[in-house]
Amino acid sequence: MTGLLPEAALTRISVMQPWLGEDEVAAVAEVLRSGWVAQGPKVAEFEATFARRLEAAHAVATSSCTTALHLALVVAGVQAGDDVVVPSLSFVATANAPTYVGARPVFADVDGVTGNLTASGVAAVLTPQTRAVIVVDQGGVPVDLAPIRALCDPRGIVVIEDAACAAGSLYRGHPAGAWAELATWSFHPRKLLTTGEGGMLTTSRLDWAERARRLREHAMSVSAAERHASVLAPPERYDEVGFNFRMTDLQAAVGLVQLDRLPAIVERRRELAARYAEAIAGIDGLRLVADPPHGRTNMQSCWVEVGRSYRTDREGLLAELAEAGISARRGIMAAHRQRAHAAAAREAELPETDRLTDTTLILPLFHQLTTAEQDRVIAVLARPVRGSQGP
């Protein structure tokens, strides 16, 4: 047989793949051989290493970023009847977390370029009941945190940075999250640093860290690790209602290896994103996410905005990519459009959120993406007319 294979016969290109290898396998095997697989010494090592690398004073490992957000609101004192400002342009967990403590999510619009909250957007929706603001480093683009804290700190409003996507991003020369009193992190497989599932809470305050550690273990006064390490375990107390938000040593062992991989992952993703940017710069109607003036993105999500001058709309481009065996995704969801948050959405005016939700998609980007695979994606983006087979 001669000639090129049809696109349908080509290997599917995923939108994201975690970078895992034999080092992670060895780390898990070591934990299995130790006999301690629940939350224990590896979790403590992961917390200490993560805090040091991310320039955080304290780190508390959790079962997910969602549970970390829940704990952050609890330790910050958010209660039933309070308002919590959140972006709608985020995974729904950001809006869900306030409801777990009985608070009301209040949606603020985002910047139309970065997709992040701004101080002016937050100021527009503050109420006398506002107790906290959750800002998001959307797709790894670091939020401009300082102006938001300058607005909120004097008012006694706690700013929580949802840095789920931001491991490896920089804000004003420091790791994303380093400027926050409270930040939360995700280690889901879609993120650069993964433990399968898992999360982390980082904080500048020792009292918040200590309470978060108790609360993640049913608020026990003595940790499970301390009890199991004792021949005669001390009696424990339960002074408040806690949760089961623990990470396992199996996950933490993977996380430690992934932390060492993180600089290489970020470098590779930025190289691939630069290649996309070079190609897209010559295509009318497409805009690729880029570094903001105040920082550097890790390119966790390489999203592109499909403008009116492009040859097709976002849905048409997604269909063409799928036909070519390329798995792209619609851009960041809007929580205010979901039935679960219909009540909060009634008062929201979010034109930039609506526009980005309807016009953005996420391109394939992962460490193992080859030049040939990326060229296949670029060829679809660069087609001159609908239905063309490209150059």
Protein backbone atom coordinates (compact mmCIF):
# COMPACT_ATOMS: atom_id res chain seq x y z
CA MET A 1 0.00 0.00 0.00
CA THR A 2 1.27 3.47 -0.83
CA GLY A 3 0.27 6.97 0.15
CA LEU A 4 -0.90 8.44 3.45
CA LEU A 5 -3.29 6.70 5.78
CA PRO A 6 -6.69 8.40 6.09
CA GLU A 7 -7.11 10.50 9.23
CA ALA A 8 -9.70 8.07 10.61
CA ALA A 9 -7.03 5.35 10.70
CA LEU A 10 -4.56 7.45 12.66
CA THR A 11 -3.99 6.91 16.35
CA ARG A 12 -6.28 8.97 18.56
CA ILE A 13 -4.65 12.00 20.19
CA SER A 14 -5.87 12.55 23.76
CA VAL A 15 -6.37 16.02 25.20
CA MET A 16 -4.23 15.13 28.24
CA GLN A 17 -2.10 12.27 29.56
CA PRO A 18 -0.30 12.13 32.91
CA TRP A 19 3.46 11.53 32.77
CA LEU A 20 4.03 8.45 34.92
CA GLY A 21 6.89 5.98 34.80
CA GLU A 22 8.89 3.30 36.59
CA ASP A 23 9.95 5.71 39.34
CA GLU A 24 6.33 6.02 40.46
CA VAL A 25 5.93 2.23 40.28
CA ALA A 26 9.01 1.76 42.48
CA ALA A 27 7.82 4.38 44.97
CA VAL A 28 4.44 2.64 45.37
CA ALA A 29 6.12 -0.76 45.71
CA GLU A 30 8.33 0.60 48.49
CA VAL A 31 5.24 1.77 50.41
CA LEU A 32 3.53 -1.59 49.92
CA ARG A 33 6.56 -3.40 51.28
CA SER A 34 6.64 -1.09 54.30
CA GLY A 35 3.19 -2.28 55.40
CA TRP A 36 2.01 1.31 56.00
CA VAL A 37 -0.30 2.27 53.16
CA ALA A 38 -2.76 4.66 54.83
CA GLN A 39 -1.95 8.24 55.85
CA GLY A 40 1.46 8.11 57.47
CA PRO A 41 5.13 9.05 57.04
CA LYS A 42 5.01 9.45 53.25
CA VAL A 43 2.12 11.90 53.52
CA ALA A 44 4.11 13.93 56.06
CA GLU A 45 7.14 13.88 53.73
CA PHE A 46 5.00 14.93 50.77
CA GLU A 47 3.50 17.80 52.76
CA ALA A 48 6.91 19.08 53.86
CA THR A 49 8.41 18.78 50.38
CA PHE A 50 5.41 20.40 48.69
CA ALA A 51 5.46 23.32 51.14
CA ARG A 52 9.17 23.88 50.57
CA ARG A 53 8.93 23.76 46.77
CA LEU A 54 5.84 25.98 46.62
CA GLU A 55 7.14 28.48 49.23
CA ALA A 56 4.26 27.78 51.61
CA ALA A 57 4.59 27.88 55.39
CA HIS A 58 2.36 24.84 55.96
CA ALA A 59 0.84 22.12 53.77
CA VAL A 60 -1.97 19.69 54.64
CA ALA A 61 -2.62 16.78 52.27
CA THR A 62 -6.23 15.85 51.53
CA SER A 63 -8.26 13.42 49.46
CA SER A 64 -8.98 16.00 46.73
CA CYS A 65 -8.86 19.70 45.95
CA THR A 66 -12.59 19.85 46.65
CA THR A 67 -12.10 18.59 50.21
CA ALA A 68 -9.18 21.02 50.58
CA LEU A 69 -11.51 23.88 49.55
CA HIS A 70 -14.09 22.64 52.06
CA LEU A 71 -11.48 22.63 54.84
CA ALA A 72 -10.19 26.06 53.79
CA LEU A 73 -13.65 27.58 54.21
CA VAL A 74 -14.11 25.89 57.59
CA VAL A 75 -10.79 27.04 59.04
CA ALA A 76 -11.38 30.54 57.65
CA GLY A 77 -14.58 30.72 59.69
CA VAL A 78 -17.12 30.77 56.84
CA GLN A 79 -20.53 29.75 58.15
CA ALA A 80 -24.15 29.36 57.16
CA GLY A 81 -25.60 32.65 55.96
CA ASP A 82 -22.28 34.04 54.71
CA ASP A 83 -21.62 35.02 51.09
CA VAL A 84 -18.59 33.68 49.23
CA VAL A 85 -17.60 35.35 45.94
CA VAL A 86 -16.54 32.83 43.29
CA PRO A 87 -16.01 32.80 39.53
CA SER A 88 -18.64 30.94 37.58
CA LEU A 89 -15.93 30.20 34.99
CA SER A 90 -14.45 27.22 36.84
CA PHE A 91 -15.10 23.57 37.49
CA VAL A 92 -18.28 23.30 39.51
CA ALA A 93 -16.39 22.28 42.67
CA THR A 94 -15.39 25.92 43.21
CA ALA A 95 -19.05 26.93 43.53
CA ASN A 96 -20.03 23.75 45.36
CA ALA A 97 -17.60 24.24 48.25
CA PRO A 98 -19.38 27.24 49.86
CA THR A 99 -22.65 25.29 49.90
CA TYR A 100 -20.99 22.56 51.99
CA VAL A 101 -20.71 25.02 54.90
CA GLY A 102 -24.14 26.57 54.31
CA ALA A 103 -22.81 29.70 52.61
CA ARG A 104 -24.08 31.24 49.37
CA PRO A 105 -21.88 31.34 46.26
CA VAL A 106 -22.00 34.77 44.63
CA PHE A 107 -20.81 34.75 41.03
CA ALA A 108 -18.41 37.42 39.76
CA ASP A 109 -17.42 37.95 36.15
CA VAL A 110 -13.87 37.30 34.94
CA ASP A 111 -11.31 39.11 32.83
CA GLY A 112 -11.97 38.38 29.16
CA VAL A 113 -8.30 37.66 28.38
CA THR A 114 -7.04 35.58 31.33
CA GLY A 115 -10.33 34.05 32.45
CA ASN A 116 -9.53 35.05 36.05
CA LEU A 117 -11.28 37.18 38.65
CA THR A 118 -10.11 40.78 39.06
CA ALA A 119 -10.35 43.21 41.96
CA SER A 120 -12.95 45.28 40.09
CA GLY A 121 -15.03 42.20 39.32
CA VAL A 122 -14.95 41.13 42.96
CA ALA A 123 -15.77 44.65 44.21
CA ALA A 124 -18.87 44.73 42.01
CA VAL A 125 -20.52 41.83 43.85
CA LEU A 126 -19.43 42.32 47.48
CA THR A 127 -22.24 42.34 50.03
CA PRO A 128 -22.36 43.02 53.77
CA GLN A 129 -22.45 39.24 54.21
CA THR A 130 -19.31 38.53 52.16
CA ARG A 131 -16.95 36.51 54.33
CA ALA A 132 -14.61 35.02 51.71
CA VAL A 133 -13.55 35.16 48.07
CA ILE A 134 -12.33 32.13 46.15
CA VAL A 135 -10.09 33.11 43.23
CA VAL A 136 -9.02 30.56 40.62
CA ASP A 137 -5.79 30.25 38.63
CA GLN A 138 -7.81 29.23 35.61
CA GLY A 139 -6.11 26.63 33.47
CA GLY A 140 -2.84 27.45 35.25
CA VAL A 141 -2.91 31.18 34.45
CA PRO A 142 -1.95 32.85 37.76
CA VAL A 143 -4.55 35.23 39.13
CA ASP A 144 -3.38 38.76 39.97
CA LEU A 145 -3.84 38.19 43.70
CA ALA A 146 -2.31 41.34 45.23
CA PRO A 147 -5.04 43.82 44.12
CA ILE A 148 -7.76 41.41 45.27
CA ARG A 149 -6.16 41.04 48.70
CA ALA A 150 -5.71 44.82 48.90
CA LEU A 151 -9.48 45.07 48.41
CA CYS A 152 -10.46 42.25 50.77
CA ASP A 153 -7.94 42.19 53.62
CA PRO A 154 -8.96 45.56 55.15
CA ARG A 155 -12.59 44.38 55.10
CA GLY A 156 -11.81 41.15 56.96
CA ILE A 157 -12.68 39.07 53.88
CA VAL A 158 -10.53 35.95 53.53
CA VAL A 159 -9.15 35.30 50.03
CA ILE A 160 -8.71 31.62 49.17
CA GLU A 161 -6.69 30.78 46.07
CA ASP A 162 -8.07 27.77 44.21
CA ALA A 163 -4.74 26.79 42.66
CA ALA A 164 -6.02 23.41 41.48
CA CYS A 165 -4.39 23.86 38.07
CA ALA A 166 -1.43 26.03 39.04
CA ALA A 167 1.42 23.80 40.26
CA GLY A 168 4.45 25.08 38.37
CA SER A 169 2.96 28.50 37.52
CA LEU A 170 4.62 31.69 38.75
CA TYR A 171 3.14 34.89 40.20
CA ARG A 172 5.43 37.91 40.48
CA GLY A 173 8.48 35.65 40.42
CA HIS A 174 7.23 33.21 43.08
CA PRO A 175 5.23 29.98 42.85
CA ALA A 176 1.51 30.50 42.44
CA GLY A 177 -0.16 30.26 45.83
CA ALA A 178 2.83 31.64 47.74
CA TRP A 179 1.09 35.03 48.22
CA ALA A 180 -2.10 33.47 49.60
CA GLU A 181 -3.20 33.01 53.22
CA LEU A 182 -4.97 29.89 52.02
CA ALA A 183 -4.51 27.98 48.76
CA THR A 184 -5.77 24.62 47.55
CA TRP A 185 -4.32 22.23 44.99
CA SER A 186 -5.49 19.30 42.88
CA PHE A 187 -3.57 16.15 41.96
CA HIS A 188 -6.21 14.76 39.59
CA PRO A 189 -4.78 13.08 36.45
CA ARG A 190 -5.73 16.13 34.36
CA LYS A 191 -3.27 18.20 36.38
CA LEU A 192 0.50 18.42 35.79
CA LEU A 193 1.30 16.82 39.15
CA THR A 194 -0.91 13.81 39.85
CA THR A 195 -1.41 11.26 42.61
CA GLY A 196 -4.42 9.70 40.87
CA GLU A 197 -6.75 11.59 43.18
CA GLY A 198 -5.70 13.89 46.00
CA GLY A 199 -5.29 17.48 47.02
CA MET A 200 -3.41 19.86 49.28
CA LEU A 201 -4.21 22.87 51.43
CA THR A 202 -1.40 25.37 51.99
CA THR A 203 -1.55 28.23 54.45
CA SER A 204 0.59 30.91 56.06
CA ARG A 205 -1.08 30.30 59.44
CA LEU A 206 -0.05 27.52 61.82
CA ASP A 207 -3.40 27.52 63.65
CA TRP A 208 -5.29 26.96 60.41
CA ALA A 209 -2.92 24.17 59.38
CA GLU A 210 -3.23 22.40 62.72
CA ARG A 211 -7.01 22.58 62.68
CA ALA A 212 -7.16 21.38 59.07
CA ARG A 213 -5.00 18.35 60.01
CA ARG A 214 -7.39 17.45 62.82
CA LEU A 215 -10.52 18.01 60.77
CA ARG A 216 -9.35 15.77 57.89
CA GLU A 217 -9.18 12.88 60.42
CA HIS A 218 -12.62 13.20 62.01
CA ALA A 219 -11.22 15.95 64.28
CA MET A 220 -9.36 13.40 66.40
CA SER A 221 -7.12 14.96 69.03
CA VAL A 222 -4.48 12.27 68.31
CA SER A 223 -3.65 11.44 64.69
CA ALA A 224 -4.00 7.93 63.31
CA ALA A 225 -0.24 7.86 62.67
CA GLU A 226 0.48 8.67 66.32
CA ARG A 227 -1.96 6.00 67.55
CA HIS A 228 -0.56 3.29 65.29
CA ALA A 229 3.01 4.16 66.24
CA SER A 230 2.22 3.60 69.94
CA VAL A 231 2.16 0.21 71.65
CA LEU A 232 -0.40 1.62 74.06
CA ALA A 233 -2.35 4.19 72.07
CA PRO A 234 -3.37 7.33 73.98
CA PRO A 235 -7.11 8.03 74.25
CA GLU A 236 -8.44 10.44 71.65
CA ARG A 237 -11.04 13.19 71.93
CA TYR A 238 -13.44 14.58 69.34
CA ASP A 239 -14.10 18.21 70.20
CA GLU A 240 -15.90 19.06 66.95
CA VAL A 241 -17.41 17.28 63.97
CA GLY A 242 -14.71 16.43 61.45
CA PHE A 243 -14.36 14.68 58.12
CA ASN A 244 -12.56 11.79 56.44
CA PHE A 245 -10.47 13.78 53.96
CA ARG A 246 -7.20 11.82 54.25
CA MET A 247 -4.57 11.06 51.63
CA THR A 248 -2.82 7.68 51.59
CA ASP A 249 0.90 6.99 51.70
CA LEU A 250 0.51 5.25 48.32
CA GLN A 251 -0.67 8.52 46.77
CA ALA A 252 1.95 10.59 48.59
CA ALA A 253 4.74 8.34 47.29
CA VAL A 254 3.60 9.04 43.73
CA GLY A 255 3.32 12.74 44.54
CA LEU A 256 6.93 12.95 45.72
CA VAL A 257 8.17 11.53 42.41
CA GLN A 258 5.85 13.85 40.49
CA LEU A 259 7.21 16.88 42.36
CA ASP A 260 10.66 16.03 41.00
CA ARG A 261 9.20 15.77 37.50
CA LEU A 262 7.34 19.08 37.71
CA PRO A 263 10.03 21.44 36.30
CA ALA A 264 10.53 19.21 33.26
CA ILE A 265 6.77 18.89 32.75
CA VAL A 266 6.31 22.67 32.79
CA GLU A 267 9.24 23.25 30.43
CA ARG A 268 7.95 20.69 27.93
CA ARG A 269 4.37 22.01 28.03
CA ARG A 270 5.54 25.57 27.47
CA GLU A 271 7.65 24.44 24.50
CA LEU A 272 4.62 22.74 22.95
CA ALA A 273 2.39 25.73 23.70
CA ALA A 274 4.92 28.05 22.02
CA ARG A 275 4.67 25.88 18.90
CA TYR A 276 0.89 26.19 18.96
CA ALA A 277 1.22 29.95 19.45
CA GLU A 278 3.53 30.33 16.47
CA ALA A 279 1.09 28.47 14.23
CA ILE A 280 -2.03 30.19 15.55
CA ALA A 281 -0.49 33.67 15.22
CA GLY A 282 -1.06 33.44 11.47
CA ILE A 283 -4.66 32.18 11.68
CA ASP A 284 -7.34 34.86 11.66
CA GLY A 285 -9.92 34.46 14.41
CA LEU A 286 -7.98 32.27 16.87
CA ARG A 287 -6.45 33.48 20.15
CA LEU A 288 -4.31 31.22 22.31
CA VAL A 289 -4.01 31.65 26.07
CA ALA A 290 -0.76 33.38 27.03
CA ASP A 291 1.26 34.52 30.03
CA PRO A 292 -0.28 37.49 31.89
CA PRO A 293 1.89 40.53 32.68
CA HIS A 294 2.15 39.51 36.33
CA GLY A 295 3.27 35.90 35.93
CA ARG A 296 3.90 32.74 33.95
CA THR A 297 1.45 29.94 33.26
CA ASN A 298 2.31 26.24 33.43
CA MET A 299 -0.02 25.68 30.44
CA GLN A 300 -2.14 23.19 32.35
CA SER A 301 -4.93 23.90 29.89
CA CYS A 302 -3.87 25.14 26.46
CA TRP A 303 -7.10 26.84 25.50
CA VAL A 304 -7.90 28.76 22.37
CA GLU A 305 -10.67 31.27 21.76
CA VAL A 306 -12.55 30.85 18.48
CA GLY A 307 -13.55 34.32 17.27
CA ARG A 308 -16.20 35.39 14.79
CA SER A 309 -13.66 35.92 12.02
CA TYR A 310 -12.55 32.28 12.13
CA ARG A 311 -13.89 30.05 9.35
CA THR A 312 -16.17 28.06 11.71
CA ASP A 313 -17.47 28.29 15.26
CA ARG A 314 -16.20 26.45 18.32
CA GLU A 315 -18.57 23.49 17.89
CA GLY A 316 -17.60 23.14 14.24
CA LEU A 317 -13.91 23.11 15.09
CA LEU A 318 -14.45 20.51 17.82
CA ALA A 319 -16.26 18.31 15.29
CA GLU A 320 -13.43 18.63 12.76
CA LEU A 321 -10.83 17.76 15.36
CA ALA A 322 -12.86 14.74 16.48
CA GLU A 323 -13.20 13.59 12.85
CA ALA A 324 -9.40 13.71 12.62
CA GLY A 325 -9.06 11.52 15.71
CA ILE A 326 -8.12 14.45 17.95
CA SER A 327 -9.75 14.71 21.37
CA ALA A 328 -10.16 18.39 22.24
CA ARG A 329 -12.56 19.68 24.89
CA ARG A 330 -14.92 22.59 25.31
CA GLY A 331 -13.37 25.38 27.36
CA ILE A 332 -13.88 25.94 31.05
CA MET A 333 -17.47 25.36 32.16
CA ALA A 334 -19.75 28.02 33.65
CA ALA A 335 -21.26 26.95 36.97
CA HIS A 336 -24.04 29.53 36.78
CA ARG A 337 -25.52 27.66 33.81
CA GLN A 338 -25.86 24.47 35.81
CA ARG A 339 -29.13 23.55 37.45
CA ALA A 340 -27.35 22.93 40.76
CA HIS A 341 -26.62 26.67 41.02
CA ALA A 342 -29.72 28.10 39.38
CA ALA A 343 -30.71 30.07 42.49
CA ALA A 344 -27.36 31.87 42.74
CA ALA A 345 -27.29 32.44 38.98
CA ARG A 346 -30.49 34.52 38.90
CA GLU A 347 -28.69 37.64 40.10
CA ALA A 348 -25.53 37.14 38.05
CA GLU A 349 -24.52 39.29 35.08
CA LEU A 350 -21.53 37.55 33.53
CA PRO A 351 -20.97 38.60 29.90
CA GLU A 352 -17.26 37.68 29.74
CA THR A 353 -17.91 34.34 31.43
CA ASP A 354 -20.67 33.57 28.93
CA ARG A 355 -18.51 34.57 25.97
CA LEU A 356 -15.50 32.47 27.03
CA THR A 357 -17.73 29.51 27.85
CA ASP A 358 -19.22 29.58 24.35
CA THR A 359 -16.06 30.27 22.32
CA THR A 360 -13.12 28.42 23.91
CA LEU A 361 -11.77 24.92 23.54
CA ILE A 362 -8.83 23.06 25.05
CA LEU A 363 -6.18 21.68 22.68
CA PRO A 364 -4.21 18.45 23.26
CA LEU A 365 -1.13 19.19 25.35
CA PHE A 366 0.86 16.68 27.38
CA HIS A 367 4.48 15.77 28.00
CA GLN A 368 4.55 12.85 25.55
CA LEU A 369 2.87 14.71 22.65
CA THR A 370 5.03 14.24 19.56
CA THR A 371 5.80 16.79 16.86
CA ALA A 372 3.88 14.66 14.36
CA GLU A 373 0.83 14.56 16.61
CA GLN A 374 0.93 18.29 17.23
CA ASP A 375 1.26 18.90 13.49
CA ARG A 376 -1.96 16.94 12.98
CA VAL A 377 -3.74 19.29 15.39
CA ILE A 378 -2.26 22.38 13.74
CA ALA A 379 -3.25 21.12 10.30
CA VAL A 380 -6.91 21.05 11.32
CA LEU A 381 -6.71 24.50 12.90
CA ALA A 382 -5.13 25.91 9.75
CA ARG A 383 -7.59 24.49 7.21
CA PRO A 384 -8.55 27.32 4.86
CA VAL A 385 -12.19 26.32 4.44
CA ARG A 386 -14.70 24.05 6.14
CA GLY A 387 -14.29 20.43 5.05
CA SER A 388 -10.83 20.88 3.57
CA GLN A 389 -8.31 18.16 4.28
CA GLY A 390 -5.71 20.76 5.14
CA PRO A 391 -2.24 21.33 3.73
